[in-house]
N, C-alpha and C. Protein backbone atom coordinates (compact mmCIF):
# COMPACT_ATOMS: atom_id res chain seq x y z
N UNK A 1 11.18 -67.75 83.67
CA UNK A 1 10.62 -69.06 83.61
C UNK A 1 11.73 -70.07 83.93
N UNK A 2 11.47 -70.97 84.85
CA UNK A 2 12.41 -72.00 85.22
C UNK A 2 11.98 -73.32 84.60
N UNK A 3 12.90 -73.95 83.91
CA UNK A 3 12.62 -75.24 83.31
C UNK A 3 13.20 -76.31 84.21
N UNK A 4 12.35 -77.22 84.63
CA UNK A 4 12.79 -78.32 85.46
C UNK A 4 12.74 -79.58 84.63
N UNK A 5 13.84 -80.21 84.52
CA UNK A 5 13.94 -81.41 83.70
C UNK A 5 13.59 -82.61 84.56
N UNK A 6 12.63 -83.38 84.13
CA UNK A 6 12.20 -84.57 84.86
C UNK A 6 12.86 -85.81 84.25
N UNK A 7 13.51 -86.63 85.05
CA UNK A 7 14.11 -87.84 84.52
C UNK A 7 13.05 -88.85 84.11
N UNK A 8 13.38 -89.66 83.13
CA UNK A 8 12.46 -90.68 82.66
C UNK A 8 12.45 -91.88 83.58
N UNK A 9 13.61 -92.25 84.10
CA UNK A 9 13.69 -93.43 84.96
C UNK A 9 13.97 -93.02 86.40
N UNK A 10 13.63 -93.90 87.30
CA UNK A 10 13.88 -93.61 88.71
C UNK A 10 15.35 -93.77 89.07
N UNK A 11 16.15 -94.37 88.18
CA UNK A 11 17.57 -94.57 88.47
C UNK A 11 18.42 -93.34 88.20
N UNK A 12 17.87 -92.36 87.50
CA UNK A 12 18.63 -91.16 87.16
C UNK A 12 18.96 -90.36 88.41
N UNK A 13 20.25 -90.03 88.57
CA UNK A 13 20.68 -89.19 89.68
C UNK A 13 21.53 -88.07 89.10
N UNK A 14 21.35 -86.85 89.56
CA UNK A 14 22.15 -85.75 89.04
C UNK A 14 23.65 -85.99 89.26
N UNK A 15 24.44 -85.30 88.49
CA UNK A 15 25.89 -85.46 88.55
C UNK A 15 26.41 -85.18 89.95
N UNK A 16 27.21 -86.09 90.45
CA UNK A 16 27.82 -85.91 91.76
C UNK A 16 29.33 -86.00 91.62
N UNK A 17 30.02 -85.61 92.65
CA UNK A 17 31.48 -85.57 92.61
C UNK A 17 32.10 -86.84 93.18
N UNK A 18 31.32 -87.91 93.31
CA UNK A 18 31.83 -89.14 93.90
C UNK A 18 32.71 -89.93 92.95
N UNK A 19 33.02 -91.14 93.35
CA UNK A 19 33.83 -92.04 92.54
C UNK A 19 32.99 -92.55 91.38
N UNK A 20 33.60 -92.59 90.19
CA UNK A 20 32.88 -93.02 89.01
C UNK A 20 33.14 -94.48 88.70
N UNK A 21 32.06 -95.22 88.49
CA UNK A 21 32.14 -96.57 87.97
C UNK A 21 31.34 -96.60 86.68
N UNK A 22 31.42 -97.71 85.96
CA UNK A 22 30.69 -97.80 84.69
C UNK A 22 29.19 -97.57 84.89
N UNK A 23 28.62 -98.22 85.91
CA UNK A 23 27.18 -98.07 86.16
C UNK A 23 26.82 -96.68 86.64
N UNK A 24 27.63 -96.11 87.52
CA UNK A 24 27.28 -94.80 88.07
C UNK A 24 27.36 -93.71 87.00
N UNK A 25 28.24 -93.87 86.01
CA UNK A 25 28.34 -92.88 84.94
C UNK A 25 27.02 -92.81 84.18
N UNK A 26 26.52 -93.94 83.75
CA UNK A 26 25.29 -93.97 82.96
C UNK A 26 24.12 -93.40 83.74
N UNK A 27 24.02 -93.72 85.00
CA UNK A 27 22.88 -93.27 85.80
C UNK A 27 22.97 -91.81 86.22
N UNK A 28 24.11 -91.16 85.95
CA UNK A 28 24.22 -89.73 86.22
C UNK A 28 23.93 -88.89 84.98
N UNK A 29 23.69 -89.55 83.85
CA UNK A 29 23.35 -88.84 82.62
C UNK A 29 21.86 -88.89 82.41
N UNK A 30 21.31 -87.83 81.85
CA UNK A 30 19.88 -87.77 81.63
C UNK A 30 19.48 -88.78 80.57
N UNK A 31 18.54 -89.68 80.87
CA UNK A 31 18.13 -90.71 79.91
C UNK A 31 17.45 -90.15 78.67
N UNK A 32 17.02 -88.92 78.71
CA UNK A 32 16.38 -88.30 77.55
C UNK A 32 17.34 -88.26 76.36
N UNK A 33 18.62 -88.14 76.62
CA UNK A 33 19.62 -88.09 75.53
C UNK A 33 19.66 -89.39 74.74
N UNK A 34 19.22 -90.47 75.37
CA UNK A 34 19.29 -91.80 74.75
C UNK A 34 17.90 -92.38 74.54
N UNK A 35 16.98 -91.54 74.12
CA UNK A 35 15.58 -91.93 73.95
C UNK A 35 15.41 -93.09 72.97
N UNK A 36 16.29 -93.22 72.00
CA UNK A 36 16.16 -94.23 70.96
C UNK A 36 16.96 -95.50 71.26
N UNK A 37 17.62 -95.55 72.41
CA UNK A 37 18.43 -96.69 72.80
C UNK A 37 17.91 -97.28 74.10
N UNK A 38 18.30 -98.50 74.39
CA UNK A 38 17.95 -99.11 75.67
C UNK A 38 18.91 -98.56 76.72
N UNK A 39 18.42 -97.60 77.47
CA UNK A 39 19.24 -96.85 78.45
C UNK A 39 19.92 -97.79 79.45
N UNK A 40 19.23 -98.80 79.89
CA UNK A 40 19.76 -99.71 80.91
C UNK A 40 20.89 -100.58 80.36
N UNK A 41 20.95 -100.76 79.05
CA UNK A 41 21.97 -101.62 78.45
C UNK A 41 23.17 -100.85 77.90
N UNK A 42 23.18 -99.53 78.09
CA UNK A 42 24.32 -98.74 77.62
C UNK A 42 25.57 -99.12 78.39
N UNK A 43 26.64 -99.34 77.66
CA UNK A 43 27.92 -99.68 78.27
C UNK A 43 28.88 -98.51 78.01
N UNK A 44 29.41 -97.88 79.05
CA UNK A 44 30.27 -96.71 78.86
C UNK A 44 31.51 -96.98 78.03
N UNK A 45 31.97 -98.20 77.99
CA UNK A 45 33.17 -98.52 77.21
C UNK A 45 32.80 -98.77 75.75
N UNK A 46 31.86 -99.66 75.51
CA UNK A 46 31.49 -100.02 74.13
C UNK A 46 30.65 -98.95 73.44
N UNK A 47 29.95 -98.13 74.19
CA UNK A 47 29.08 -97.09 73.62
C UNK A 47 29.68 -95.70 73.79
N UNK A 48 30.98 -95.62 73.88
CA UNK A 48 31.65 -94.35 74.17
C UNK A 48 31.30 -93.26 73.16
N UNK A 49 31.33 -93.59 71.86
CA UNK A 49 31.10 -92.57 70.84
C UNK A 49 29.71 -91.96 70.97
N UNK A 50 28.69 -92.79 71.11
CA UNK A 50 27.32 -92.27 71.18
C UNK A 50 27.10 -91.49 72.47
N UNK A 51 27.69 -91.93 73.56
CA UNK A 51 27.54 -91.23 74.84
C UNK A 51 28.19 -89.85 74.75
N UNK A 52 29.42 -89.80 74.24
CA UNK A 52 30.11 -88.51 74.12
C UNK A 52 29.36 -87.59 73.17
N UNK A 53 28.95 -88.13 72.02
CA UNK A 53 28.23 -87.30 71.04
C UNK A 53 26.95 -86.71 71.62
N UNK A 54 26.14 -87.52 72.27
CA UNK A 54 24.86 -87.03 72.80
C UNK A 54 25.06 -86.05 73.94
N UNK A 55 25.95 -86.34 74.87
CA UNK A 55 26.14 -85.46 76.02
C UNK A 55 26.78 -84.14 75.60
N UNK A 56 27.74 -84.19 74.70
CA UNK A 56 28.41 -82.96 74.29
C UNK A 56 27.51 -82.09 73.40
N UNK A 57 26.52 -82.66 72.73
CA UNK A 57 25.62 -81.84 71.93
C UNK A 57 24.34 -81.48 72.67
N UNK A 58 23.89 -82.31 73.60
CA UNK A 58 22.62 -82.07 74.28
C UNK A 58 22.74 -81.79 75.78
N UNK A 59 23.86 -82.16 76.37
CA UNK A 59 23.99 -82.10 77.82
C UNK A 59 24.37 -80.74 78.36
N UNK A 60 24.49 -80.70 79.68
CA UNK A 60 24.91 -79.46 80.33
C UNK A 60 26.39 -79.54 80.70
N UNK A 61 26.92 -78.45 81.20
CA UNK A 61 28.35 -78.37 81.49
C UNK A 61 28.79 -79.37 82.56
N UNK A 62 27.95 -79.62 83.55
CA UNK A 62 28.31 -80.59 84.60
C UNK A 62 28.46 -81.99 84.01
N UNK A 63 27.58 -82.34 83.08
CA UNK A 63 27.68 -83.66 82.45
C UNK A 63 28.91 -83.76 81.55
N UNK A 64 29.25 -82.66 80.89
CA UNK A 64 30.46 -82.63 80.07
C UNK A 64 31.69 -82.84 80.95
N UNK A 65 31.73 -82.18 82.10
CA UNK A 65 32.84 -82.35 83.04
C UNK A 65 32.91 -83.79 83.54
N UNK A 66 31.76 -84.38 83.80
CA UNK A 66 31.70 -85.77 84.26
C UNK A 66 32.32 -86.70 83.23
N UNK A 67 31.95 -86.53 81.96
CA UNK A 67 32.51 -87.38 80.91
C UNK A 67 34.01 -87.14 80.74
N UNK A 68 34.43 -85.90 80.89
CA UNK A 68 35.86 -85.60 80.77
C UNK A 68 36.65 -86.27 81.89
N UNK A 69 36.09 -86.31 83.08
CA UNK A 69 36.74 -87.02 84.20
C UNK A 69 36.79 -88.52 83.93
N UNK A 70 35.72 -89.06 83.36
CA UNK A 70 35.63 -90.51 83.16
C UNK A 70 36.51 -90.98 82.01
N UNK A 71 36.41 -90.32 80.85
CA UNK A 71 37.13 -90.76 79.65
C UNK A 71 38.50 -90.11 79.48
N UNK A 72 38.68 -88.93 80.01
CA UNK A 72 39.93 -88.19 79.80
C UNK A 72 39.81 -87.25 78.61
N UNK A 73 40.55 -86.16 78.67
CA UNK A 73 40.45 -85.12 77.64
C UNK A 73 40.87 -85.63 76.27
N UNK A 74 41.92 -86.43 76.21
CA UNK A 74 42.41 -86.92 74.91
C UNK A 74 41.39 -87.81 74.21
N UNK A 75 40.73 -88.70 74.96
CA UNK A 75 39.71 -89.57 74.36
C UNK A 75 38.51 -88.76 73.88
N UNK A 76 38.15 -87.72 74.64
CA UNK A 76 37.04 -86.85 74.25
C UNK A 76 37.39 -86.13 72.95
N UNK A 77 38.58 -85.57 72.87
CA UNK A 77 39.00 -84.85 71.67
C UNK A 77 39.03 -85.78 70.47
N UNK A 78 39.58 -86.96 70.64
CA UNK A 78 39.66 -87.93 69.54
C UNK A 78 38.26 -88.30 69.03
N UNK A 79 37.34 -88.51 69.95
CA UNK A 79 35.98 -88.88 69.56
C UNK A 79 35.27 -87.72 68.87
N UNK A 80 35.34 -86.52 69.46
CA UNK A 80 34.67 -85.37 68.86
C UNK A 80 35.25 -85.02 67.49
N UNK A 81 36.55 -85.13 67.33
CA UNK A 81 37.18 -84.82 66.05
C UNK A 81 36.79 -85.82 64.97
N UNK A 82 36.37 -87.02 65.34
CA UNK A 82 35.98 -88.04 64.38
C UNK A 82 34.52 -88.02 63.99
N UNK A 83 33.70 -87.20 64.67
CA UNK A 83 32.27 -87.16 64.36
C UNK A 83 32.03 -86.48 63.02
N UNK A 84 31.05 -86.98 62.28
CA UNK A 84 30.77 -86.41 60.96
C UNK A 84 29.83 -85.21 61.02
N UNK A 85 29.14 -85.04 62.15
CA UNK A 85 28.29 -83.85 62.26
C UNK A 85 28.27 -83.35 63.70
N UNK A 86 28.54 -82.08 63.86
CA UNK A 86 28.32 -81.33 65.10
C UNK A 86 27.78 -79.98 64.64
N UNK A 87 26.72 -79.52 65.28
CA UNK A 87 26.16 -78.24 64.85
C UNK A 87 27.20 -77.12 65.05
N UNK A 88 27.13 -76.07 64.25
CA UNK A 88 28.17 -75.03 64.26
C UNK A 88 28.42 -74.37 65.62
N UNK A 89 27.38 -74.11 66.40
CA UNK A 89 27.59 -73.49 67.71
C UNK A 89 28.34 -74.41 68.66
N UNK A 90 27.96 -75.69 68.67
CA UNK A 90 28.64 -76.66 69.52
C UNK A 90 30.09 -76.83 69.09
N UNK A 91 30.31 -76.87 67.79
CA UNK A 91 31.67 -76.98 67.26
C UNK A 91 32.53 -75.80 67.70
N UNK A 92 32.01 -74.59 67.56
CA UNK A 92 32.77 -73.40 67.97
C UNK A 92 33.08 -73.44 69.47
N UNK A 93 32.08 -73.79 70.27
CA UNK A 93 32.26 -73.82 71.72
C UNK A 93 33.35 -74.80 72.12
N UNK A 94 33.27 -76.03 71.65
CA UNK A 94 34.24 -77.04 72.07
C UNK A 94 35.60 -76.85 71.42
N UNK A 95 35.64 -76.21 70.28
CA UNK A 95 36.92 -75.87 69.69
C UNK A 95 37.68 -74.92 70.61
N UNK A 96 36.97 -73.94 71.15
CA UNK A 96 37.59 -72.97 72.06
C UNK A 96 37.90 -73.60 73.42
N UNK A 97 36.93 -74.31 73.98
CA UNK A 97 37.09 -74.89 75.32
C UNK A 97 38.20 -75.95 75.35
N UNK A 98 38.25 -76.79 74.33
CA UNK A 98 39.24 -77.86 74.31
C UNK A 98 40.57 -77.42 73.71
N UNK A 99 40.59 -76.25 73.10
CA UNK A 99 41.83 -75.74 72.51
C UNK A 99 42.24 -76.49 71.25
N UNK A 100 41.24 -76.96 70.50
CA UNK A 100 41.51 -77.71 69.27
C UNK A 100 41.04 -76.86 68.09
N UNK A 101 41.90 -76.62 67.10
CA UNK A 101 41.46 -75.84 65.94
C UNK A 101 40.31 -76.53 65.20
N UNK A 102 39.40 -75.73 64.66
CA UNK A 102 38.24 -76.30 63.97
C UNK A 102 38.65 -77.18 62.80
N UNK A 103 39.77 -76.89 62.18
CA UNK A 103 40.19 -77.68 61.02
C UNK A 103 40.54 -79.12 61.39
N UNK A 104 40.71 -79.41 62.68
CA UNK A 104 40.97 -80.78 63.13
C UNK A 104 39.71 -81.61 63.27
N UNK A 105 38.54 -80.98 63.21
CA UNK A 105 37.28 -81.69 63.33
C UNK A 105 36.83 -82.17 61.96
N UNK A 106 36.52 -83.45 61.86
CA UNK A 106 36.08 -84.03 60.59
C UNK A 106 34.81 -83.35 60.08
N UNK A 107 33.92 -83.00 60.99
CA UNK A 107 32.66 -82.37 60.58
C UNK A 107 32.88 -80.98 60.00
N UNK A 108 34.00 -80.36 60.30
CA UNK A 108 34.30 -79.02 59.77
C UNK A 108 34.95 -79.13 58.39
N UNK A 109 35.83 -80.09 58.24
CA UNK A 109 36.55 -80.22 56.97
C UNK A 109 35.72 -80.92 55.90
N UNK A 110 34.75 -81.72 56.31
CA UNK A 110 33.92 -82.45 55.35
C UNK A 110 32.46 -82.02 55.45
N UNK A 111 32.25 -80.73 55.55
CA UNK A 111 30.88 -80.20 55.66
C UNK A 111 30.06 -80.59 54.45
N UNK A 112 28.78 -80.81 54.69
CA UNK A 112 27.86 -81.09 53.60
C UNK A 112 27.65 -79.80 52.83
N UNK A 113 27.85 -79.87 51.56
CA UNK A 113 27.68 -78.69 50.73
C UNK A 113 26.29 -78.70 50.12
N UNK A 114 25.61 -77.60 50.28
CA UNK A 114 24.32 -77.45 49.62
C UNK A 114 24.44 -76.29 48.66
N UNK A 115 24.15 -76.59 47.43
CA UNK A 115 24.26 -75.56 46.42
C UNK A 115 23.15 -74.54 46.52
N UNK A 116 23.40 -73.37 45.97
CA UNK A 116 22.37 -72.34 45.98
C UNK A 116 21.30 -72.71 44.97
N UNK A 117 20.08 -72.39 45.31
CA UNK A 117 18.98 -72.66 44.39
C UNK A 117 18.97 -71.67 43.26
N UNK A 118 18.49 -72.11 42.16
CA UNK A 118 18.37 -71.24 41.01
C UNK A 118 17.28 -70.23 41.26
N UNK A 119 17.52 -69.00 40.97
CA UNK A 119 16.49 -67.98 41.15
C UNK A 119 16.12 -67.33 39.86
């Protein structure tokens, strides 16, 4: 079964290897990731944390590479390490890919503890 993702807006263009500007970055990301925000008003500089968080948890590898080219590896690592929640699979993947120990991620060191239920 092949899943074809349909963009919500006509401005969405798949990731390309061209020159990146603020506007072209936003329009190369799938607007579905930002369903609760005004997609057209997203600013790559002021909205960096939400863009990185959504793309790194919901996006594909090409979009991750695009953000890494735009923001740089150090800015990506700093942002991801400061997030309070990343699901365990995503955390493991990016810990290995970025070469950052899991203990450096805030979401790993400050995990929400749920006690066992009484039986």
